[in-house]
Structure formats: C-alpha cells, structure tokens
C-alpha cells in the first residue's frame, strides 16, 4: 500500500482560505487489502471529509479520499496526517504507509484593508 496526496495545490495559503486535499491510497500488492483510515484535524484546521473509513482495495487499484482543510492560524503549520492501518497486516506502522505525504503548509496572515 502506498499513500500520497493527489494534485498538489499551492502550499502557500491565507488563513481561513480552504485547501483541497486528495489522498490517494494505492494497493500495490496482488491481494485484496482491507484498510482503516482515521483522520484527525487537530487544533490548527477545520476539516471536512471522511473522519473514519474502512474499505477494501482490489489488487493494483486505488482509493481516493477528498478533504477540505481550512487553516485557523498563520505560519508554518503541520498538515494533519491520517492514520492508515492494514487490517490483514496490523504489524505495519501507519508512519511507513504515510511517509510520502506532505507534512507542512505555509499560511500567510490574512490582511484586512484599512478603512
């Protein structure tokens, strides 16, 4: 199983500007894999999308998960990382499956026009 973010939208955003994130999970094995995905937004983002999902992925197939993240603060922020578990192989750590994911995004402060 490989996990990576799909189309990489700009990694520089303004606070409160939504960021679309597409997570692509690829089954590179010759066996059906059952996965469990848990996404926790943390304190730095509002979040829309599957929080908890369990599904089966056919051999050499892909599963796409779509998320909307809204940063609540500015600065260099850690992007929430999903926890992915292979139910057939619980000994494989989630960090091994998600090591290719983007880890940070820079969020510019929102500038309001003076009146």
N, C-alpha and C. Protein backbone atom coordinates (compact mmCIF):
# COMPACT_ATOMS: atom_id res chain seq x y z
N UNK A 1 0.86 -1.19 0.00
CA UNK A 1 0.00 0.00 0.00
C UNK A 1 0.89 1.23 0.00
N UNK A 2 0.58 2.18 -0.87
CA UNK A 2 1.23 3.49 -0.87
C UNK A 2 0.15 4.55 -0.67
N UNK A 3 0.48 5.60 0.06
CA UNK A 3 -0.45 6.72 0.24
C UNK A 3 0.25 7.99 -0.17
N UNK A 4 -0.43 8.81 -0.96
CA UNK A 4 0.15 10.10 -1.35
C UNK A 4 -0.97 11.08 -1.65
N UNK A 5 -0.65 12.36 -1.50
CA UNK A 5 -1.63 13.38 -1.83
C UNK A 5 -1.65 13.54 -3.33
N UNK A 6 -2.86 13.67 -3.89
CA UNK A 6 -3.03 13.85 -5.32
C UNK A 6 -2.56 15.24 -5.72
N UNK A 7 -3.21 15.82 -6.70
CA UNK A 7 -2.82 17.12 -7.21
C UNK A 7 -2.39 18.03 -6.07
N UNK A 8 -1.17 18.46 -6.13
CA UNK A 8 -0.63 19.29 -5.05
C UNK A 8 -1.01 20.73 -5.33
N UNK A 9 -1.97 21.20 -4.56
CA UNK A 9 -2.34 22.60 -4.69
C UNK A 9 -1.25 23.41 -4.02
N UNK A 10 -1.23 24.69 -4.27
CA UNK A 10 -0.18 25.55 -3.73
C UNK A 10 -0.06 25.35 -2.23
N UNK A 11 1.16 25.26 -1.76
CA UNK A 11 1.40 25.04 -0.34
C UNK A 11 1.50 26.35 0.43
N UNK A 12 1.15 27.46 -0.21
CA UNK A 12 1.08 28.75 0.47
C UNK A 12 -0.36 29.24 0.36
N UNK A 13 -0.99 29.47 1.49
CA UNK A 13 -2.38 29.90 1.54
C UNK A 13 -2.54 31.03 2.53
N UNK A 14 -3.72 31.65 2.53
CA UNK A 14 -4.08 32.64 3.53
C UNK A 14 -4.91 31.94 4.60
N UNK A 15 -4.85 32.49 5.81
CA UNK A 15 -5.68 31.95 6.89
C UNK A 15 -7.14 32.00 6.46
N UNK A 16 -7.89 31.01 6.83
CA UNK A 16 -9.32 30.85 6.54
C UNK A 16 -9.62 30.60 5.07
N UNK A 17 -8.59 30.36 4.23
CA UNK A 17 -8.79 30.01 2.82
C UNK A 17 -8.74 28.48 2.71
N UNK A 18 -9.79 27.83 2.21
CA UNK A 18 -9.82 26.36 2.16
C UNK A 18 -8.73 25.78 1.27
N UNK A 19 -8.25 24.61 1.67
CA UNK A 19 -7.26 23.86 0.91
C UNK A 19 -7.89 22.51 0.57
N UNK A 20 -7.97 22.19 -0.73
CA UNK A 20 -8.48 20.87 -1.14
C UNK A 20 -7.32 19.88 -1.12
N UNK A 21 -7.56 18.75 -0.48
CA UNK A 21 -6.54 17.71 -0.39
C UNK A 21 -7.17 16.40 -0.84
N UNK A 22 -6.51 15.72 -1.77
CA UNK A 22 -6.97 14.42 -2.22
C UNK A 22 -5.93 13.39 -1.83
N UNK A 23 -6.33 12.44 -1.01
CA UNK A 23 -5.44 11.38 -0.58
C UNK A 23 -5.67 10.17 -1.48
N UNK A 24 -4.60 9.68 -2.09
CA UNK A 24 -4.69 8.52 -2.98
C UNK A 24 -4.00 7.35 -2.29
N UNK A 25 -4.75 6.28 -2.05
CA UNK A 25 -4.19 5.09 -1.43
C UNK A 25 -4.16 4.01 -2.50
N UNK A 26 -2.97 3.48 -2.78
CA UNK A 26 -2.76 2.53 -3.87
C UNK A 26 -2.40 1.15 -3.30
N UNK A 27 -3.11 0.14 -3.73
CA UNK A 27 -2.79 -1.23 -3.35
C UNK A 27 -1.81 -1.78 -4.39
N UNK A 28 -0.54 -1.89 -4.02
CA UNK A 28 0.47 -2.38 -4.96
C UNK A 28 0.72 -3.88 -4.80
N UNK A 29 -0.11 -4.54 -4.00
CA UNK A 29 0.05 -5.98 -3.79
C UNK A 29 -0.85 -6.76 -4.75
N UNK A 30 -0.72 -8.07 -4.70
CA UNK A 30 -1.56 -8.95 -5.51
C UNK A 30 -2.76 -9.47 -4.74
N UNK A 31 -3.04 -8.88 -3.58
CA UNK A 31 -4.12 -9.33 -2.71
C UNK A 31 -5.06 -8.18 -2.39
N UNK A 32 -6.32 -8.51 -2.15
CA UNK A 32 -7.27 -7.50 -1.69
C UNK A 32 -6.81 -7.04 -0.31
N UNK A 33 -6.75 -5.73 -0.11
CA UNK A 33 -6.35 -5.18 1.19
C UNK A 33 -7.53 -4.45 1.81
N UNK A 34 -7.77 -4.74 3.08
CA UNK A 34 -8.78 -4.00 3.83
C UNK A 34 -8.05 -2.98 4.68
N UNK A 35 -8.46 -1.71 4.53
CA UNK A 35 -7.77 -0.64 5.26
C UNK A 35 -8.73 0.09 6.18
N UNK A 36 -8.15 0.70 7.18
CA UNK A 36 -8.89 1.52 8.13
C UNK A 36 -8.18 2.88 8.14
N UNK A 37 -8.90 3.95 7.81
CA UNK A 37 -8.31 5.29 7.74
C UNK A 37 -8.98 6.16 8.80
N UNK A 38 -8.17 6.79 9.63
CA UNK A 38 -8.66 7.69 10.66
C UNK A 38 -7.99 9.04 10.46
N UNK A 39 -8.77 10.07 10.23
CA UNK A 39 -8.24 11.42 10.01
C UNK A 39 -8.65 12.32 11.17
N UNK A 40 -7.68 12.92 11.82
CA UNK A 40 -7.93 13.84 12.93
C UNK A 40 -7.44 15.23 12.52
N UNK A 41 -8.31 16.24 12.54
CA UNK A 41 -7.91 17.56 12.06
C UNK A 41 -6.96 18.32 12.98
N UNK A 42 -6.97 18.06 14.28
CA UNK A 42 -6.12 18.80 15.21
C UNK A 42 -6.69 20.18 15.51
N UNK A 43 -5.89 21.02 16.14
CA UNK A 43 -6.33 22.35 16.56
C UNK A 43 -6.06 23.44 15.53
N UNK A 44 -5.31 23.12 14.47
CA UNK A 44 -4.89 24.15 13.52
C UNK A 44 -5.79 24.26 12.29
N UNK A 45 -6.70 23.29 12.10
CA UNK A 45 -7.53 23.27 10.90
C UNK A 45 -8.97 22.92 11.23
N UNK A 46 -9.91 23.51 10.47
CA UNK A 46 -11.27 22.97 10.38
C UNK A 46 -11.19 21.93 9.27
N UNK A 47 -12.12 21.00 9.27
CA UNK A 47 -11.94 19.81 8.47
C UNK A 47 -13.28 19.35 7.91
N UNK A 48 -13.29 18.96 6.63
CA UNK A 48 -14.48 18.34 6.03
C UNK A 48 -14.02 17.15 5.21
N UNK A 49 -14.67 16.02 5.40
CA UNK A 49 -14.31 14.79 4.69
C UNK A 49 -14.51 13.60 5.61
N UNK A 50 -14.15 12.43 5.14
CA UNK A 50 -14.30 11.21 5.94
C UNK A 50 -13.39 11.27 7.16
N UNK A 51 -13.97 11.19 8.33
CA UNK A 51 -13.15 11.16 9.55
C UNK A 51 -12.67 9.73 9.81
N UNK A 52 -13.55 8.76 9.58
CA UNK A 52 -13.19 7.35 9.77
C UNK A 52 -13.77 6.56 8.62
N UNK A 53 -12.94 5.77 7.97
CA UNK A 53 -13.38 5.00 6.81
C UNK A 53 -12.71 3.63 6.83
N UNK A 54 -13.49 2.61 6.57
CA UNK A 54 -12.95 1.26 6.41
C UNK A 54 -13.40 0.79 5.03
N UNK A 55 -12.44 0.33 4.23
CA UNK A 55 -12.80 -0.13 2.88
C UNK A 55 -11.83 -1.20 2.41
N UNK A 56 -12.19 -1.85 1.31
CA UNK A 56 -11.34 -2.85 0.67
C UNK A 56 -10.85 -2.28 -0.65
N UNK A 57 -9.58 -2.53 -0.94
CA UNK A 57 -8.99 -2.07 -2.20
C UNK A 57 -8.52 -3.30 -2.96
N UNK A 58 -8.96 -3.42 -4.20
CA UNK A 58 -8.58 -4.54 -5.04
C UNK A 58 -7.10 -4.46 -5.41
N UNK A 59 -6.50 -5.58 -5.82
CA UNK A 59 -5.10 -5.55 -6.23
C UNK A 59 -4.85 -4.54 -7.34
N UNK A 60 -3.76 -3.80 -7.21
CA UNK A 60 -3.34 -2.79 -8.19
C UNK A 60 -4.42 -1.75 -8.46
N UNK A 61 -5.24 -1.46 -7.47
CA UNK A 61 -6.29 -0.45 -7.60
C UNK A 61 -6.02 0.71 -6.64
N UNK A 62 -6.82 1.77 -6.76
CA UNK A 62 -6.64 2.98 -5.97
C UNK A 62 -7.93 3.35 -5.27
N UNK A 63 -7.80 4.00 -4.14
CA UNK A 63 -8.94 4.58 -3.42
C UNK A 63 -8.61 6.05 -3.18
N UNK A 64 -9.52 6.94 -3.56
CA UNK A 64 -9.30 8.37 -3.38
C UNK A 64 -10.18 8.90 -2.25
N UNK A 65 -9.59 9.69 -1.38
CA UNK A 65 -10.33 10.35 -0.31
C UNK A 65 -10.15 11.85 -0.47
N UNK A 66 -11.24 12.58 -0.44
CA UNK A 66 -11.23 14.02 -0.67
C UNK A 66 -11.45 14.74 0.66
N UNK A 67 -10.62 15.73 0.94
CA UNK A 67 -10.74 16.51 2.18
C UNK A 67 -10.67 18.00 1.87
N UNK A 68 -11.33 18.78 2.70
CA UNK A 68 -11.20 20.24 2.68
C UNK A 68 -10.63 20.64 4.05
N UNK A 69 -9.52 21.35 4.03
CA UNK A 69 -8.91 21.84 5.26
C UNK A 69 -8.96 23.36 5.24
N UNK A 70 -9.35 23.95 6.36
CA UNK A 70 -9.36 25.41 6.48
C UNK A 70 -8.41 25.76 7.62
N UNK A 71 -7.25 26.39 7.29
CA UNK A 71 -6.31 26.74 8.35
C UNK A 71 -6.88 27.84 9.24
N UNK A 72 -6.70 27.68 10.55
CA UNK A 72 -7.23 28.64 11.53
C UNK A 72 -6.17 29.62 12.03
N UNK A 73 -4.90 29.33 11.74
CA UNK A 73 -3.80 30.19 12.17
C UNK A 73 -2.88 30.44 10.98
N UNK A 74 -1.96 31.36 11.14
CA UNK A 74 -0.98 31.61 10.10
C UNK A 74 0.38 31.09 10.56
N UNK A 75 1.31 31.00 9.60
CA UNK A 75 2.64 30.48 9.89
C UNK A 75 2.84 29.13 9.23
N UNK A 76 3.92 28.46 9.60
CA UNK A 76 4.22 27.13 9.07
C UNK A 76 3.46 26.12 9.91
N UNK A 77 2.45 25.47 9.32
CA UNK A 77 1.57 24.56 10.06
C UNK A 77 1.78 23.12 9.61
N UNK A 78 1.69 22.22 10.57
CA UNK A 78 1.74 20.79 10.27
C UNK A 78 0.39 20.35 9.72
N UNK A 79 0.40 19.72 8.55
CA UNK A 79 -0.83 19.21 7.94
C UNK A 79 -1.25 17.95 8.70
N UNK A 80 -2.53 17.84 9.05
CA UNK A 80 -2.97 16.63 9.75
C UNK A 80 -2.67 15.38 8.92
N UNK A 81 -2.08 14.39 9.57
CA UNK A 81 -1.71 13.16 8.89
C UNK A 81 -2.72 12.05 9.22
N UNK A 82 -3.26 11.39 8.22
CA UNK A 82 -4.21 10.30 8.50
C UNK A 82 -3.47 9.09 9.07
N UNK A 83 -4.15 8.35 9.92
CA UNK A 83 -3.62 7.08 10.41
C UNK A 83 -4.23 5.99 9.54
N UNK A 84 -3.38 5.23 8.86
CA UNK A 84 -3.85 4.17 7.95
C UNK A 84 -3.37 2.83 8.52
N UNK A 85 -4.31 1.92 8.67
CA UNK A 85 -3.98 0.58 9.17
C UNK A 85 -4.38 -0.45 8.13
N UNK A 86 -3.50 -1.42 7.91
CA UNK A 86 -3.83 -2.57 7.07
C UNK A 86 -4.39 -3.63 8.00
N UNK A 87 -5.64 -4.02 7.83
CA UNK A 87 -6.26 -4.95 8.74
C UNK A 87 -5.71 -6.37 8.60
N UNK A 88 -5.17 -6.71 7.43
CA UNK A 88 -4.54 -8.02 7.24
C UNK A 88 -3.13 -8.06 7.81
N UNK A 89 -2.51 -6.87 7.97
CA UNK A 89 -1.14 -6.78 8.45
C UNK A 89 -1.03 -5.69 9.53
N UNK A 90 -1.58 -5.93 10.72
CA UNK A 90 -1.58 -4.89 11.76
C UNK A 90 -0.19 -4.52 12.25
N UNK A 91 0.82 -5.35 11.94
CA UNK A 91 2.19 -5.05 12.40
C UNK A 91 2.84 -3.92 11.61
N UNK A 92 2.29 -3.57 10.46
CA UNK A 92 2.86 -2.48 9.64
C UNK A 92 2.40 -1.15 10.22
N UNK A 93 3.37 -0.30 10.54
CA UNK A 93 3.09 1.00 11.15
C UNK A 93 2.47 1.97 10.14
N UNK A 94 1.57 2.82 10.63
CA UNK A 94 0.94 3.84 9.80
C UNK A 94 1.98 4.80 9.22
N UNK A 95 3.02 5.12 9.99
CA UNK A 95 4.05 6.06 9.53
C UNK A 95 4.76 5.54 8.28
N UNK A 96 4.91 4.23 8.14
CA UNK A 96 5.53 3.65 6.95
C UNK A 96 4.64 3.88 5.73
N UNK A 97 3.34 3.80 5.91
CA UNK A 97 2.40 3.95 4.80
C UNK A 97 2.21 5.40 4.38
N UNK A 98 2.44 6.34 5.30
CA UNK A 98 2.18 7.76 5.02
C UNK A 98 3.45 8.58 4.92
N UNK A 99 4.61 7.96 4.78
CA UNK A 99 5.87 8.71 4.80
C UNK A 99 6.06 9.64 3.60
N UNK A 100 5.32 9.46 2.52
CA UNK A 100 5.45 10.32 1.34
C UNK A 100 4.52 11.54 1.37
N UNK A 101 3.67 11.63 2.38
CA UNK A 101 2.70 12.72 2.44
C UNK A 101 3.38 14.04 2.79
N UNK A 102 2.86 15.13 2.21
CA UNK A 102 3.33 16.46 2.55
C UNK A 102 3.06 16.70 4.03
N UNK A 103 4.04 17.25 4.72
CA UNK A 103 3.94 17.39 6.18
C UNK A 103 3.55 18.80 6.63
N UNK A 104 3.85 19.81 5.81
CA UNK A 104 3.63 21.19 6.25
C UNK A 104 3.04 22.05 5.15
N UNK A 105 2.41 23.14 5.58
CA UNK A 105 1.89 24.15 4.65
C UNK A 105 2.17 25.51 5.28
N UNK A 106 2.54 26.48 4.45
CA UNK A 106 2.75 27.83 4.97
C UNK A 106 1.47 28.63 4.74
N UNK A 107 0.98 29.23 5.80
CA UNK A 107 -0.25 30.02 5.75
C UNK A 107 0.09 31.47 6.05
N UNK A 108 -0.18 32.35 5.06
CA UNK A 108 0.08 33.78 5.24
C UNK A 108 -1.02 34.40 6.11
N UNK A 109 -0.65 35.40 6.91
CA UNK A 109 -1.69 36.10 7.68
C UNK A 109 -2.68 36.78 6.75
N UNK A 110 -3.91 36.81 7.13
CA UNK A 110 -4.96 37.50 6.35
C UNK A 110 -4.78 38.99 6.57
N UNK A 111 -4.68 39.75 5.49
CA UNK A 111 -4.51 41.20 5.57
C UNK A 111 -5.85 41.84 5.25
N UNK A 112 -6.31 42.66 6.20
CA UNK A 112 -7.58 43.36 6.00
C UNK A 112 -7.29 44.79 5.57
N UNK A 113 -8.04 45.27 4.59
CA UNK A 113 -7.87 46.64 4.10
C UNK A 113 -8.34 47.63 5.19
N UNK A 114 -7.52 48.64 5.46
CA UNK A 114 -7.88 49.64 6.46
C UNK A 114 -9.01 50.52 5.97
N UNK A 115 -9.81 51.00 6.90
CA UNK A 115 -10.91 51.87 6.48
C UNK A 115 -10.69 53.29 6.92
